[in-house]
Amino acid sequence: MTAQRMLFLTVASLLGTGVWLSGWDQVHWLLYVLTVMLVFAGVTGICPGLLLYKQLGLK
């Protein structure tokens, strides 16, 4: 487990805890998407957001 993958999982758990404490029906659906993307990045090591930015030409 690398530090970057652990960071993704930590941020995902903090977002998930915030969603849970706020109430599942009170938060915007975008928070669910971000949480799932971060869990995916933490488990697989492939960050969808980073891939998107690289395709847009950013370094």
PDB file of N, CA and C in Angstrom:
ATOM      1  N   MET A   1       0.861  -1.173   0.000  1.00  0.00           N
ATOM      2  CA  MET A   1       0.000   0.000   0.000  1.00  0.00           C
ATOM      3  C   MET A   1       0.903   1.231   0.000  1.00  0.00           C
ATOM      4  N   THR A   2       0.686   2.081  -0.982  1.00  0.00           N
ATOM      5  CA  THR A   2       1.468   3.307  -1.059  1.00  0.00           C
ATOM      6  C   THR A   2       0.769   4.416  -0.269  1.00  0.00           C
ATOM      7  N   ALA A   3       1.509   5.470  -0.016  1.00  0.00           N
ATOM      8  CA  ALA A   3       0.947   6.596   0.728  1.00  0.00           C
ATOM      9  C   ALA A   3      -0.176   7.265  -0.064  1.00  0.00           C
ATOM     10  N   GLN A   4      -0.037   7.319  -1.386  1.00  0.00           N
ATOM     11  CA  GLN A   4      -1.066   7.944  -2.216  1.00  0.00           C
ATOM     12  C   GLN A   4      -2.368   7.150  -2.148  1.00  0.00           C
ATOM     13  N   ARG A   5      -2.270   5.829  -2.207  1.00  0.00           N
ATOM     14  CA  ARG A   5      -3.479   5.008  -2.141  1.00  0.00           C
ATOM     15  C   ARG A   5      -4.129   5.114  -0.769  1.00  0.00           C
ATOM     16  N   MET A   6      -3.306   5.187   0.280  1.00  0.00           N
ATOM     17  CA  MET A   6      -3.843   5.342   1.627  1.00  0.00           C
ATOM     18  C   MET A   6      -4.529   6.695   1.788  1.00  0.00           C
ATOM     19  N   LEU A   7      -3.976   7.728   1.147  1.00  0.00           N
ATOM     20  CA  LEU A   7      -4.604   9.049   1.174  1.00  0.00           C
ATOM     21  C   LEU A   7      -5.974   9.006   0.502  1.00  0.00           C
ATOM     22  N   PHE A   8      -6.075   8.336  -0.650  1.00  0.00           N
ATOM     23  CA  PHE A   8      -7.368   8.204  -1.332  1.00  0.00           C
ATOM     24  C   PHE A   8      -8.397   7.533  -0.421  1.00  0.00           C
ATOM     25  N   LEU A   9      -8.001   6.458   0.248  1.00  0.00           N
ATOM     26  CA  LEU A   9      -8.930   5.741   1.119  1.00  0.00           C
ATOM     27  C   LEU A   9      -9.308   6.570   2.347  1.00  0.00           C
ATOM     28  N   THR A  10      -8.367   7.339   2.873  1.00  0.00           N
ATOM     29  CA  THR A  10      -8.662   8.184   4.031  1.00  0.00           C
ATOM     30  C   THR A  10      -9.657   9.276   3.679  1.00  0.00           C
ATOM     31  N   VAL A  11      -9.447   9.940   2.551  1.00  0.00           N
ATOM     32  CA  VAL A  11     -10.372  10.994   2.126  1.00  0.00           C
ATOM     33  C   VAL A  11     -11.744  10.392   1.819  1.00  0.00           C
ATOM     34  N   ALA A  12     -11.780   9.215   1.202  1.00  0.00           N
ATOM     35  CA  ALA A  12     -13.056   8.562   0.918  1.00  0.00           C
ATOM     36  C   ALA A  12     -13.797   8.223   2.212  1.00  0.00           C
ATOM     37  N   SER A  13     -13.069   7.772   3.224  1.00  0.00           N
ATOM     38  CA  SER A  13     -13.731   7.449   4.487  1.00  0.00           C
ATOM     39  C   SER A  13     -14.240   8.710   5.190  1.00  0.00           C
ATOM     40  N   LEU A  14     -13.500   9.810   5.079  1.00  0.00           N
ATOM     41  CA  LEU A  14     -13.973  11.065   5.663  1.00  0.00           C
ATOM     42  C   LEU A  14     -15.218  11.577   4.939  1.00  0.00           C
ATOM     43  N   LEU A  15     -15.230  11.498   3.618  1.00  0.00           N
ATOM     44  CA  LEU A  15     -16.425  11.893   2.861  1.00  0.00           C
ATOM     45  C   LEU A  15     -17.611  10.996   3.202  1.00  0.00           C
ATOM     46  N   GLY A  16     -17.358   9.699   3.275  1.00  0.00           N
ATOM     47  CA  GLY A  16     -18.429   8.758   3.615  1.00  0.00           C
ATOM     48  C   GLY A  16     -18.988   8.999   5.005  1.00  0.00           C
ATOM     49  N   THR A  17     -18.104   9.322   5.948  1.00  0.00           N
ATOM     50  CA  THR A  17     -18.560   9.639   7.301  1.00  0.00           C
ATOM     51  C   THR A  17     -19.385  10.917   7.311  1.00  0.00           C
ATOM     52  N   GLY A  18     -18.969  11.906   6.540  1.00  0.00           N
ATOM     53  CA  GLY A  18     -19.743  13.142   6.449  1.00  0.00           C
ATOM     54  C   GLY A  18     -21.119  12.924   5.840  1.00  0.00           C
ATOM     55  N   VAL A  19     -21.186  12.087   4.816  1.00  0.00           N
ATOM     56  CA  VAL A  19     -22.476  11.764   4.198  1.00  0.00           C
ATOM     57  C   VAL A  19     -23.364  11.044   5.202  1.00  0.00           C
ATOM     58  N   TRP A  20     -22.779  10.113   5.942  1.00  0.00           N
ATOM     59  CA  TRP A  20     -23.543   9.336   6.921  1.00  0.00           C
ATOM     60  C   TRP A  20     -24.059  10.225   8.045  1.00  0.00           C
ATOM     61  N   LEU A  21     -23.195  11.142   8.543  1.00  0.00           N
ATOM     62  CA  LEU A  21     -23.613  12.025   9.625  1.00  0.00           C
ATOM     63  C   LEU A  21     -24.648  13.051   9.170  1.00  0.00           C
ATOM     64  N   SER A  22     -24.584  13.467   7.914  1.00  0.00           N
ATOM     65  CA  SER A  22     -25.549  14.443   7.391  1.00  0.00           C
ATOM     66  C   SER A  22     -26.888  13.813   7.068  1.00  0.00           C
ATOM     67  N   GLY A  23     -26.870  12.560   6.748  1.00  0.00           N
ATOM     68  CA  GLY A  23     -28.092  11.864   6.348  1.00  0.00           C
ATOM     69  C   GLY A  23     -28.029  11.542   4.867  1.00  0.00           C
ATOM     70  N   TRP A  24     -28.317  10.304   4.522  1.00  0.00           N
ATOM     71  CA  TRP A  24     -28.177   9.839   3.148  1.00  0.00           C
ATOM     72  C   TRP A  24     -29.073  10.603   2.189  1.00  0.00           C
ATOM     73  N   ASP A  25     -30.221  11.070   2.665  1.00  0.00           N
ATOM     74  CA  ASP A  25     -31.152  11.762   1.776  1.00  0.00           C
ATOM     75  C   ASP A  25     -30.938  13.274   1.747  1.00  0.00           C
ATOM     76  N   GLN A  26     -29.990  13.799   2.529  1.00  0.00           N
ATOM     77  CA  GLN A  26     -29.764  15.239   2.620  1.00  0.00           C
ATOM     78  C   GLN A  26     -28.618  15.739   1.732  1.00  0.00           C
ATOM     79  N   VAL A  27     -27.709  14.853   1.337  1.00  0.00           N
ATOM     80  CA  VAL A  27     -26.516  15.298   0.605  1.00  0.00           C
ATOM     81  C   VAL A  27     -26.738  15.178  -0.905  1.00  0.00           C
ATOM     82  N   HIS A  28     -25.954  15.930  -1.649  1.00  0.00           N
ATOM     83  CA  HIS A  28     -26.045  15.927  -3.100  1.00  0.00           C
ATOM     84  C   HIS A  28     -25.432  14.636  -3.654  1.00  0.00           C
ATOM     85  N   TRP A  29     -25.910  14.175  -4.788  1.00  0.00           N
ATOM     86  CA  TRP A  29     -25.448  12.914  -5.359  1.00  0.00           C
ATOM     87  C   TRP A  29     -23.981  12.958  -5.767  1.00  0.00           C
ATOM     88  N   LEU A  30     -23.438  14.152  -6.006  1.00  0.00           N
ATOM     89  CA  LEU A  30     -22.048  14.270  -6.420  1.00  0.00           C
ATOM     90  C   LEU A  30     -21.087  13.766  -5.336  1.00  0.00           C
ATOM     91  N   LEU A  31     -21.455  13.898  -4.089  1.00  0.00           N
ATOM     92  CA  LEU A  31     -20.603  13.381  -3.017  1.00  0.00           C
ATOM     93  C   LEU A  31     -20.476  11.863  -3.084  1.00  0.00           C
ATOM     94  N   TYR A  32     -21.524  11.182  -3.525  1.00  0.00           N
ATOM     95  CA  TYR A  32     -21.439   9.730  -3.696  1.00  0.00           C
ATOM     96  C   TYR A  32     -20.458   9.377  -4.811  1.00  0.00           C
ATOM     97  N   VAL A  33     -20.498  10.128  -5.905  1.00  0.00           N
ATOM     98  CA  VAL A  33     -19.598   9.874  -7.036  1.00  0.00           C
ATOM     99  C   VAL A  33     -18.144  10.067  -6.611  1.00  0.00           C
ATOM    100  N   LEU A  34     -17.863  11.154  -5.905  1.00  0.00           N
ATOM    101  CA  LEU A  34     -16.502  11.412  -5.452  1.00  0.00           C
ATOM    102  C   LEU A  34     -16.010  10.328  -4.500  1.00  0.00           C
ATOM    103  N   THR A  35     -16.868   9.887  -3.599  1.00  0.00           N
ATOM    104  CA  THR A  35     -16.478   8.847  -2.654  1.00  0.00           C
ATOM    105  C   THR A  35     -16.163   7.542  -3.374  1.00  0.00           C
ATOM    106  N   VAL A  36     -16.987   7.174  -4.334  1.00  0.00           N
ATOM    107  CA  VAL A  36     -16.751   5.935  -5.089  1.00  0.00           C
ATOM    108  C   VAL A  36     -15.469   6.041  -5.915  1.00  0.00           C
ATOM    109  N   MET A  37     -15.226   7.204  -6.519  1.00  0.00           N
ATOM    110  CA  MET A  37     -13.987   7.385  -7.294  1.00  0.00           C
ATOM    111  C   MET A  37     -12.756   7.257  -6.408  1.00  0.00           C
ATOM    112  N   LEU A  38     -12.800   7.807  -5.220  1.00  0.00           N
ATOM    113  CA  LEU A  38     -11.661   7.722  -4.316  1.00  0.00           C
ATOM    114  C   LEU A  38     -11.443   6.302  -3.798  1.00  0.00           C
ATOM    115  N   VAL A  39     -12.507   5.588  -3.517  1.00  0.00           N
ATOM    116  CA  VAL A  39     -12.365   4.187  -3.102  1.00  0.00           C
ATOM    117  C   VAL A  39     -11.780   3.369  -4.247  1.00  0.00           C
ATOM    118  N   PHE A  40     -12.261   3.588  -5.455  1.00  0.00           N
ATOM    119  CA  PHE A  40     -11.725   2.893  -6.626  1.00  0.00           C
ATOM    120  C   PHE A  40     -10.239   3.180  -6.792  1.00  0.00           C
ATOM    121  N   ALA A  41      -9.846   4.451  -6.632  1.00  0.00           N
ATOM    122  CA  ALA A  41      -8.438   4.827  -6.768  1.00  0.00           C
ATOM    123  C   ALA A  41      -7.601   4.198  -5.667  1.00  0.00           C
ATOM    124  N   GLY A  42      -8.133   4.124  -4.467  1.00  0.00           N
ATOM    125  CA  GLY A  42      -7.388   3.533  -3.365  1.00  0.00           C
ATOM    126  C   GLY A  42      -7.202   2.036  -3.504  1.00  0.00           C
ATOM    127  N   VAL A  43      -8.204   1.356  -4.014  1.00  0.00           N
ATOM    128  CA  VAL A  43      -8.133  -0.100  -4.140  1.00  0.00           C
ATOM    129  C   VAL A  43      -7.293  -0.522  -5.344  1.00  0.00           C
ATOM    130  N   THR A  44      -7.500   0.137  -6.482  1.00  0.00           N
ATOM    131  CA  THR A  44      -6.827  -0.292  -7.707  1.00  0.00           C
ATOM    132  C   THR A  44      -5.533   0.456  -7.991  1.00  0.00           C
ATOM    133  N   GLY A  45      -5.401   1.663  -7.468  1.00  0.00           N
ATOM    134  CA  GLY A  45      -4.236   2.486  -7.772  1.00  0.00           C
ATOM    135  C   GLY A  45      -4.401   3.302  -9.043  1.00  0.00           C
ATOM    136  N   ILE A  46      -5.575   3.240  -9.654  1.00  0.00           N
ATOM    137  CA  ILE A  46      -5.871   4.010 -10.865  1.00  0.00           C
ATOM    138  C   ILE A  46      -6.800   5.153 -10.464  1.00  0.00           C
ATOM    139  N   CYS A  47      -6.333   6.379 -10.620  1.00  0.00           N
ATOM    140  CA  CYS A  47      -7.130   7.540 -10.223  1.00  0.00           C
ATOM    141  C   CYS A  47      -7.851   8.106 -11.448  1.00  0.00           C
ATOM    142  N   PRO A  48      -9.190   8.002 -11.497  1.00  0.00           N
ATOM    143  CA  PRO A  48      -9.929   8.515 -12.658  1.00  0.00           C
ATOM    144  C   PRO A  48      -9.746  10.019 -12.866  1.00  0.00           C
ATOM    145  N   GLY A  49      -9.694  10.781 -11.801  1.00  0.00           N
ATOM    146  CA  GLY A  49      -9.514  12.220 -11.923  1.00  0.00           C
ATOM    147  C   GLY A  49      -8.165  12.584 -12.507  1.00  0.00           C
ATOM    148  N   LEU A  50      -7.129  11.876 -12.086  1.00  0.00           N
ATOM    149  CA  LEU A  50      -5.789  12.124 -12.611  1.00  0.00           C
ATOM    150  C   LEU A  50      -5.712  11.768 -14.094  1.00  0.00           C
ATOM    151  N   LEU A  51      -6.338  10.688 -14.479  1.00  0.00           N
ATOM    152  CA  LEU A  51      -6.361  10.301 -15.894  1.00  0.00           C
ATOM    153  C   LEU A  51      -7.097  11.342 -16.729  1.00  0.00           C
ATOM    154  N   LEU A  52      -8.179  11.876 -16.204  1.00  0.00           N
ATOM    155  CA  LEU A  52      -8.933  12.905 -16.920  1.00  0.00           C
ATOM    156  C   LEU A  52      -8.094  14.158 -17.121  1.00  0.00           C
ATOM    157  N   TYR A  53      -7.406  14.597 -16.072  1.00  0.00           N
ATOM    158  CA  TYR A  53      -6.573  15.805 -16.192  1.00  0.00           C
ATOM    159  C   TYR A  53      -5.417  15.602 -17.150  1.00  0.00           C
ATOM    160  N   LYS A  54      -4.853  14.408 -17.184  1.00  0.00           N
ATOM    161  CA  LYS A  54      -3.769  14.138 -18.120  1.00  0.00           C
ATOM    162  C   LYS A  54      -4.283  14.168 -19.564  1.00  0.00           C
ATOM    163  N   GLN A  55      -5.482  13.679 -19.806  1.00  0.00           N
ATOM    164  CA  GLN A  55      -6.061  13.707 -21.141  1.00  0.00           C
ATOM    165  C   GLN A  55      -6.389  15.133 -21.568  1.00  0.00           C
ATOM    166  N   LEU A  56      -6.653  16.010 -20.627  1.00  0.00           N
ATOM    167  CA  LEU A  56      -6.929  17.404 -20.940  1.00  0.00           C
ATOM    168  C   LEU A  56      -5.649  18.191 -21.208  1.00  0.00           C
ATOM    169  N   GLY A  57      -4.500  17.552 -21.033  1.00  0.00           N
ATOM    170  CA  GLY A  57      -3.238  18.197 -21.345  1.00  0.00           C
ATOM    171  C   GLY A  57      -2.517  18.798 -20.157  1.00  0.00           C
ATOM    172  N   LEU A  58      -3.030  18.585 -18.966  1.00  0.00           N
ATOM    173  CA  LEU A  58      -2.358  19.110 -17.785  1.00  0.00           C
ATOM    174  C   LEU A  58      -1.280  18.128 -17.320  1.00  0.00           C
ATOM    175  N   LYS A  59      -0.265  18.671 -16.671  1.00  0.00           N
ATOM    176  CA  LYS A  59       0.830  17.803 -16.222  1.00  0.00           C
ATOM    177  C   LYS A  59       0.645  17.320 -14.815  1.00  0.00           C
TER     178      LYS A  59
END
